[in-house]
Amino acid sequence: MAGGGNFIHRVISYVANELIVNGLSNSAGFQRFAVRTSRKIEDLSKMAQQKRQEIADQVKDVSKNFESFKNQ
């Protein structure tokens, strides 16, 4: 009996998943949301890369300044 219930649960889950996926993929509103979200993530990723580079440059400058101070 438990095996049959598990099978029915999987079938219902599969059908619900298909309906949800198809419904969202055909929704213009969801597609706009997905595109906006993707662009925001790309923008945030670019900003993070720029900040990492800025920090790396600052650390390099501080290191150079420290070395020149230490050698005086």
PDB file of N, CA and C in Angstrom:
ATOM      1  N   MET A   1       0.821  -1.192   0.000  1.00  0.00           N
ATOM      2  CA  MET A   1       0.000   0.000   0.000  1.00  0.00           C
ATOM      3  C   MET A   1       0.866   1.257   0.000  1.00  0.00           C
ATOM      4  N   ALA A   2       1.959   1.221   0.777  1.00  0.00           N
ATOM      5  CA  ALA A   2       2.823   2.397   0.848  1.00  0.00           C
ATOM      6  C   ALA A   2       3.462   2.682  -0.500  1.00  0.00           C
ATOM      7  N   GLY A   3       3.824   1.626  -1.251  1.00  0.00           N
ATOM      8  CA  GLY A   3       4.431   1.816  -2.558  1.00  0.00           C
ATOM      9  C   GLY A   3       3.474   2.472  -3.525  1.00  0.00           C
ATOM     10  N   GLY A   4       2.198   2.079  -3.480  1.00  0.00           N
ATOM     11  CA  GLY A   4       1.196   2.665  -4.363  1.00  0.00           C
ATOM     12  C   GLY A   4       0.962   4.132  -4.056  1.00  0.00           C
ATOM     13  N   GLY A   5       0.956   4.477  -2.771  1.00  0.00           N
ATOM     14  CA  GLY A   5       0.778   5.872  -2.380  1.00  0.00           C
ATOM     15  C   GLY A   5       1.941   6.734  -2.830  1.00  0.00           C
ATOM     16  N   ASN A   6       3.128   6.170  -2.764  1.00  0.00           N
ATOM     17  CA  ASN A   6       4.318   6.887  -3.199  1.00  0.00           C
ATOM     18  C   ASN A   6       4.255   7.143  -4.700  1.00  0.00           C
ATOM     19  N   PHE A   7       3.791   6.158  -5.459  1.00  0.00           N
ATOM     20  CA  PHE A   7       3.667   6.302  -6.905  1.00  0.00           C
ATOM     21  C   PHE A   7       2.671   7.403  -7.248  1.00  0.00           C
ATOM     22  N   ILE A   8       1.522   7.387  -6.591  1.00  0.00           N
ATOM     23  CA  ILE A   8       0.491   8.407  -6.847  1.00  0.00           C
ATOM     24  C   ILE A   8       1.027   9.790  -6.490  1.00  0.00           C
ATOM     25  N   HIS A   9       1.744   9.879  -5.384  1.00  0.00           N
ATOM     26  CA  HIS A   9       2.330  11.160  -4.983  1.00  0.00           C
ATOM     27  C   HIS A   9       3.297  11.663  -6.056  1.00  0.00           C
ATOM     28  N   ARG A  10       4.126  10.769  -6.591  1.00  0.00           N
ATOM     29  CA  ARG A  10       5.080  11.159  -7.622  1.00  0.00           C
ATOM     30  C   ARG A  10       4.375  11.608  -8.890  1.00  0.00           C
ATOM     31  N   VAL A  11       3.302  10.928  -9.275  1.00  0.00           N
ATOM     32  CA  VAL A  11       2.540  11.309 -10.466  1.00  0.00           C
ATOM     33  C   VAL A  11       1.926  12.688 -10.278  1.00  0.00           C
ATOM     34  N   ILE A  12       1.294  12.906  -9.130  1.00  0.00           N
ATOM     35  CA  ILE A  12       0.671  14.208  -8.856  1.00  0.00           C
ATOM     36  C   ILE A  12       1.736  15.300  -8.836  1.00  0.00           C
ATOM     37  N   SER A  13       2.861  15.012  -8.218  1.00  0.00           N
ATOM     38  CA  SER A  13       3.953  15.976  -8.157  1.00  0.00           C
ATOM     39  C   SER A  13       4.459  16.309  -9.564  1.00  0.00           C
ATOM     40  N   TYR A  14       4.619  15.290 -10.395  1.00  0.00           N
ATOM     41  CA  TYR A  14       5.090  15.495 -11.767  1.00  0.00           C
ATOM     42  C   TYR A  14       4.103  16.356 -12.552  1.00  0.00           C
ATOM     43  N   VAL A  15       2.814  16.026 -12.469  1.00  0.00           N
ATOM     44  CA  VAL A  15       1.788  16.776 -13.206  1.00  0.00           C
ATOM     45  C   VAL A  15       1.752  18.229 -12.728  1.00  0.00           C
ATOM     46  N   ALA A  16       1.789  18.429 -11.409  1.00  0.00           N
ATOM     47  CA  ALA A  16       1.778  19.795 -10.876  1.00  0.00           C
ATOM     48  C   ALA A  16       3.009  20.550 -11.337  1.00  0.00           C
ATOM     49  N   ASN A  17       4.159  19.898 -11.315  1.00  0.00           N
ATOM     50  CA  ASN A  17       5.397  20.533 -11.752  1.00  0.00           C
ATOM     51  C   ASN A  17       5.302  20.936 -13.225  1.00  0.00           C
ATOM     52  N   GLU A  18       4.785  20.057 -14.058  1.00  0.00           N
ATOM     53  CA  GLU A  18       4.642  20.363 -15.481  1.00  0.00           C
ATOM     54  C   GLU A  18       3.707  21.551 -15.694  1.00  0.00           C
ATOM     55  N   LEU A  19       2.601  21.575 -14.970  1.00  0.00           N
ATOM     56  CA  LEU A  19       1.652  22.685 -15.112  1.00  0.00           C
ATOM     57  C   LEU A  19       2.293  24.002 -14.671  1.00  0.00           C
ATOM     58  N   ILE A  20       3.021  23.965 -13.579  1.00  0.00           N
ATOM     59  CA  ILE A  20       3.659  25.185 -13.070  1.00  0.00           C
ATOM     60  C   ILE A  20       4.735  25.659 -14.037  1.00  0.00           C
ATOM     61  N   VAL A  21       5.585  24.744 -14.475  1.00  0.00           N
ATOM     62  CA  VAL A  21       6.676  25.122 -15.392  1.00  0.00           C
ATOM     63  C   VAL A  21       6.107  25.670 -16.691  1.00  0.00           C
ATOM     64  N   ASN A  22       5.138  24.986 -17.260  1.00  0.00           N
ATOM     65  CA  ASN A  22       4.542  25.463 -18.511  1.00  0.00           C
ATOM     66  C   ASN A  22       3.825  26.789 -18.311  1.00  0.00           C
ATOM     67  N   GLY A  23       3.131  26.916 -17.200  1.00  0.00           N
ATOM     68  CA  GLY A  23       2.423  28.171 -16.923  1.00  0.00           C
ATOM     69  C   GLY A  23       3.383  29.342 -16.788  1.00  0.00           C
ATOM     70  N   LEU A  24       4.487  29.132 -16.067  1.00  0.00           N
ATOM     71  CA  LEU A  24       5.458  30.216 -15.895  1.00  0.00           C
ATOM     72  C   LEU A  24       6.213  30.511 -17.189  1.00  0.00           C
ATOM     73  N   SER A  25       6.548  29.481 -17.934  1.00  0.00           N
ATOM     74  CA  SER A  25       7.316  29.708 -19.163  1.00  0.00           C
ATOM     75  C   SER A  25       6.492  30.448 -20.209  1.00  0.00           C
ATOM     76  N   ASN A  26       5.187  30.347 -20.136  1.00  0.00           N
ATOM     77  CA  ASN A  26       4.319  31.044 -21.090  1.00  0.00           C
ATOM     78  C   ASN A  26       3.801  32.374 -20.550  1.00  0.00           C
ATOM     79  N   SER A  27       4.251  32.768 -19.380  1.00  0.00           N
ATOM     80  CA  SER A  27       3.779  34.001 -18.764  1.00  0.00           C
ATOM     81  C   SER A  27       4.718  35.158 -19.110  1.00  0.00           C
ATOM     82  N   ALA A  28       4.179  36.167 -19.779  1.00  0.00           N
ATOM     83  CA  ALA A  28       4.994  37.329 -20.143  1.00  0.00           C
ATOM     84  C   ALA A  28       5.502  38.049 -18.894  1.00  0.00           C
ATOM     85  N   GLY A  29       4.679  38.114 -17.871  1.00  0.00           N
ATOM     86  CA  GLY A  29       5.091  38.770 -16.624  1.00  0.00           C
ATOM     87  C   GLY A  29       6.254  38.049 -15.963  1.00  0.00           C
ATOM     88  N   PHE A  30       6.194  36.732 -15.938  1.00  0.00           N
ATOM     89  CA  PHE A  30       7.287  35.968 -15.344  1.00  0.00           C
ATOM     90  C   PHE A  30       8.554  36.091 -16.178  1.00  0.00           C
ATOM     91  N   GLN A  31       8.416  36.116 -17.482  1.00  0.00           N
ATOM     92  CA  GLN A  31       9.584  36.280 -18.355  1.00  0.00           C
ATOM     93  C   GLN A  31      10.246  37.633 -18.124  1.00  0.00           C
ATOM     94  N   ARG A  32       9.451  38.688 -17.967  1.00  0.00           N
ATOM     95  CA  ARG A  32      10.024  40.013 -17.666  1.00  0.00           C
ATOM     96  C   ARG A  32      10.748  39.982 -16.327  1.00  0.00           C
ATOM     97  N   PHE A  33      10.120  39.344 -15.335  1.00  0.00           N
ATOM     98  CA  PHE A  33      10.745  39.197 -14.018  1.00  0.00           C
ATOM     99  C   PHE A  33      12.075  38.462 -14.130  1.00  0.00           C
ATOM    100  N   ALA A  34      12.099  37.390 -14.901  1.00  0.00           N
ATOM    101  CA  ALA A  34      13.321  36.599 -15.060  1.00  0.00           C
ATOM    102  C   ALA A  34      14.417  37.410 -15.742  1.00  0.00           C
ATOM    103  N   VAL A  35      14.065  38.172 -16.754  1.00  0.00           N
ATOM    104  CA  VAL A  35      15.057  38.992 -17.461  1.00  0.00           C
ATOM    105  C   VAL A  35      15.594  40.090 -16.546  1.00  0.00           C
ATOM    106  N   ARG A  36      14.704  40.761 -15.815  1.00  0.00           N
ATOM    107  CA  ARG A  36      15.150  41.816 -14.889  1.00  0.00           C
ATOM    108  C   ARG A  36      16.048  41.242 -13.806  1.00  0.00           C
ATOM    109  N   THR A  37      15.672  40.092 -13.277  1.00  0.00           N
ATOM    110  CA  THR A  37      16.473  39.456 -12.233  1.00  0.00           C
ATOM    111  C   THR A  37      17.849  39.071 -12.773  1.00  0.00           C
ATOM    112  N   SER A  38      17.883  38.525 -13.965  1.00  0.00           N
ATOM    113  CA  SER A  38      19.151  38.141 -14.583  1.00  0.00           C
ATOM    114  C   SER A  38      20.049  39.365 -14.784  1.00  0.00           C
ATOM    115  N   ARG A  39      19.474  40.452 -15.258  1.00  0.00           N
ATOM    116  CA  ARG A  39      20.263  41.685 -15.469  1.00  0.00           C
ATOM    117  C   ARG A  39      20.793  42.236 -14.144  1.00  0.00           C
ATOM    118  N   LYS A  40      19.963  42.208 -13.116  1.00  0.00           N
ATOM    119  CA  LYS A  40      20.399  42.691 -11.801  1.00  0.00           C
ATOM    120  C   LYS A  40      21.574  41.854 -11.287  1.00  0.00           C
ATOM    121  N   ILE A  41      21.479  40.538 -11.442  1.00  0.00           N
ATOM    122  CA  ILE A  41      22.553  39.661 -10.980  1.00  0.00           C
ATOM    123  C   ILE A  41      23.834  39.934 -11.772  1.00  0.00           C
ATOM    124  N   GLU A  42      23.707  40.136 -13.086  1.00  0.00           N
ATOM    125  CA  GLU A  42      24.877  40.464 -13.899  1.00  0.00           C
ATOM    126  C   GLU A  42      25.493  41.786 -13.444  1.00  0.00           C
ATOM    127  N   ASP A  43      24.652  42.789 -13.192  1.00  0.00           N
ATOM    128  CA  ASP A  43      25.149  44.084 -12.732  1.00  0.00           C
ATOM    129  C   ASP A  43      25.862  43.957 -11.386  1.00  0.00           C
ATOM    130  N   LEU A  44      25.263  43.212 -10.468  1.00  0.00           N
ATOM    131  CA  LEU A  44      25.881  43.019  -9.159  1.00  0.00           C
ATOM    132  C   LEU A  44      27.207  42.271  -9.277  1.00  0.00           C
ATOM    133  N   SER A  45      27.257  41.314 -10.170  1.00  0.00           N
ATOM    134  CA  SER A  45      28.491  40.559 -10.389  1.00  0.00           C
ATOM    135  C   SER A  45      29.589  41.473 -10.927  1.00  0.00           C
ATOM    136  N   LYS A  46      29.246  42.349 -11.870  1.00  0.00           N
ATOM    137  CA  LYS A  46      30.223  43.297 -12.418  1.00  0.00           C
ATOM    138  C   LYS A  46      30.698  44.263 -11.342  1.00  0.00           C
ATOM    139  N   MET A  47      29.763  44.751 -10.516  1.00  0.00           N
ATOM    140  CA  MET A  47      30.140  45.663  -9.431  1.00  0.00           C
ATOM    141  C   MET A  47      31.070  44.970  -8.440  1.00  0.00           C
ATOM    142  N   ALA A  48      30.793  43.723  -8.121  1.00  0.00           N
ATOM    143  CA  ALA A  48      31.634  42.974  -7.187  1.00  0.00           C
ATOM    144  C   ALA A  48      33.031  42.786  -7.769  1.00  0.00           C
ATOM    145  N   GLN A  49      33.118  42.497  -9.053  1.00  0.00           N
ATOM    146  CA  GLN A  49      34.422  42.331  -9.703  1.00  0.00           C
ATOM    147  C   GLN A  49      35.197  43.647  -9.656  1.00  0.00           C
ATOM    148  N   GLN A  50      34.530  44.761  -9.922  1.00  0.00           N
ATOM    149  CA  GLN A  50      35.197  46.070  -9.879  1.00  0.00           C
ATOM    150  C   GLN A  50      35.704  46.364  -8.468  1.00  0.00           C
ATOM    151  N   LYS A  51      34.879  46.093  -7.469  1.00  0.00           N
ATOM    152  CA  LYS A  51      35.288  46.341  -6.087  1.00  0.00           C
ATOM    153  C   LYS A  51      36.464  45.458  -5.697  1.00  0.00           C
ATOM    154  N   ARG A  52      36.432  44.195  -6.111  1.00  0.00           N
ATOM    155  CA  ARG A  52      37.568  43.305  -5.825  1.00  0.00           C
ATOM    156  C   ARG A  52      38.845  43.864  -6.426  1.00  0.00           C
ATOM    157  N   GLN A  53      38.754  44.362  -7.672  1.00  0.00           N
ATOM    158  CA  GLN A  53      39.932  44.926  -8.332  1.00  0.00           C
ATOM    159  C   GLN A  53      40.406  46.185  -7.611  1.00  0.00           C
ATOM    160  N   GLU A  54      39.464  47.042  -7.205  1.00  0.00           N
ATOM    161  CA  GLU A  54      39.835  48.260  -6.478  1.00  0.00           C
ATOM    162  C   GLU A  54      40.550  47.915  -5.172  1.00  0.00           C
ATOM    163  N   ILE A  55      40.018  46.961  -4.448  1.00  0.00           N
ATOM    164  CA  ILE A  55      40.627  46.553  -3.178  1.00  0.00           C
ATOM    165  C   ILE A  55      42.001  45.948  -3.420  1.00  0.00           C
ATOM    166  N   ALA A  56      42.122  45.119  -4.460  1.00  0.00           N
ATOM    167  CA  ALA A  56      43.426  44.519  -4.773  1.00  0.00           C
ATOM    168  C   ALA A  56      44.437  45.609  -5.104  1.00  0.00           C
ATOM    169  N   ASP A  57      44.018  46.623  -5.858  1.00  0.00           N
ATOM    170  CA  ASP A  57      44.917  47.736  -6.193  1.00  0.00           C
ATOM    171  C   ASP A  57      45.316  48.507  -4.938  1.00  0.00           C
ATOM    172  N   GLN A  58      44.349  48.736  -4.051  1.00  0.00           N
ATOM    173  CA  GLN A  58      44.651  49.452  -2.813  1.00  0.00           C
ATOM    174  C   GLN A  58      45.626  48.663  -1.944  1.00  0.00           C
ATOM    175  N   VAL A  59      45.430  47.365  -1.852  1.00  0.00           N
ATOM    176  CA  VAL A  59      46.334  46.527  -1.057  1.00  0.00           C
ATOM    177  C   VAL A  59      47.733  46.564  -1.664  1.00  0.00           C
ATOM    178  N   LYS A  60      47.803  46.534  -2.987  1.00  0.00           N
ATOM    179  CA  LYS A  60      49.097  46.593  -3.661  1.00  0.00           C
ATOM    180  C   LYS A  60      49.786  47.927  -3.353  1.00  0.00           C
ATOM    181  N   ASP A  61      49.039  49.032  -3.401  1.00  0.00           N
ATOM    182  CA  ASP A  61      49.606  50.350  -3.104  1.00  0.00           C
ATOM    183  C   ASP A  61      50.081  50.433  -1.657  1.00  0.00           C
ATOM    184  N   VAL A  62      49.283  49.931  -0.736  1.00  0.00           N
ATOM    185  CA  VAL A  62      49.664  49.958   0.672  1.00  0.00           C
ATOM    186  C   VAL A  62      50.924  49.126   0.879  1.00  0.00           C
ATOM    187  N   SER A  63      50.990  47.998   0.228  1.00  0.00           N
ATOM    188  CA  SER A  63      52.168  47.135   0.346  1.00  0.00           C
ATOM    189  C   SER A  63      53.407  47.837  -0.183  1.00  0.00           C
ATOM    190  N   LYS A  64      53.289  48.511  -1.316  1.00  0.00           N
ATOM    191  CA  LYS A  64      54.423  49.250  -1.887  1.00  0.00           C
ATOM    192  C   LYS A  64      54.841  50.373  -0.942  1.00  0.00           C
ATOM    193  N   ASN A  65      53.858  51.097  -0.410  1.00  0.00           N
ATOM    194  CA  ASN A  65      54.163  52.195   0.504  1.00  0.00           C
ATOM    195  C   ASN A  65      54.840  51.665   1.765  1.00  0.00           C
ATOM    196  N   PHE A  66      54.371  50.543   2.255  1.00  0.00           N
ATOM    197  CA  PHE A  66      54.961  49.948   3.447  1.00  0.00           C
ATOM    198  C   PHE A  66      56.398  49.531   3.173  1.00  0.00           C
ATOM    199  N   GLU A  67      56.649  48.928   2.036  1.00  0.00           N
ATOM    200  CA  GLU A  67      58.000  48.499   1.670  1.00  0.00           C
ATOM    201  C   GLU A  67      58.931  49.701   1.540  1.00  0.00           C
ATOM    202  N   SER A  68      58.461  50.781   0.902  1.00  0.00           N
ATOM    203  CA  SER A  68      59.308  51.962   0.725  1.00  0.00           C
ATOM    204  C   SER A  68      59.566  52.628   2.086  1.00  0.00           C
ATOM    205  N   PHE A  69      58.580  52.625   2.981  1.00  0.00           N
ATOM    206  CA  PHE A  69      58.745  53.187   4.318  1.00  0.00           C
ATOM    207  C   PHE A  69      59.729  52.348   5.116  1.00  0.00           C
ATOM    208  N   LYS A  70      59.613  51.026   4.974  1.00  0.00           N
ATOM    209  CA  LYS A  70      60.471  50.106   5.717  1.00  0.00           C
ATOM    210  C   LYS A  70      61.938  50.241   5.263  1.00  0.00           C
ATOM    211  N   ASN A  71      62.162  50.541   3.982  1.00  0.00           N
ATOM    212  CA  ASN A  71      63.507  50.650   3.452  1.00  0.00           C
ATOM    213  C   ASN A  71      64.175  51.995   3.734  1.00  0.00           C
ATOM    214  N   GLN A  72      63.467  52.942   4.292  1.00  0.00           N
ATOM    215  CA  GLN A  72      64.043  54.260   4.572  1.00  0.00           C
ATOM    216  C   GLN A  72      64.869  54.264   5.809  1.00  0.00           C
TER     217      GLN A  72
END
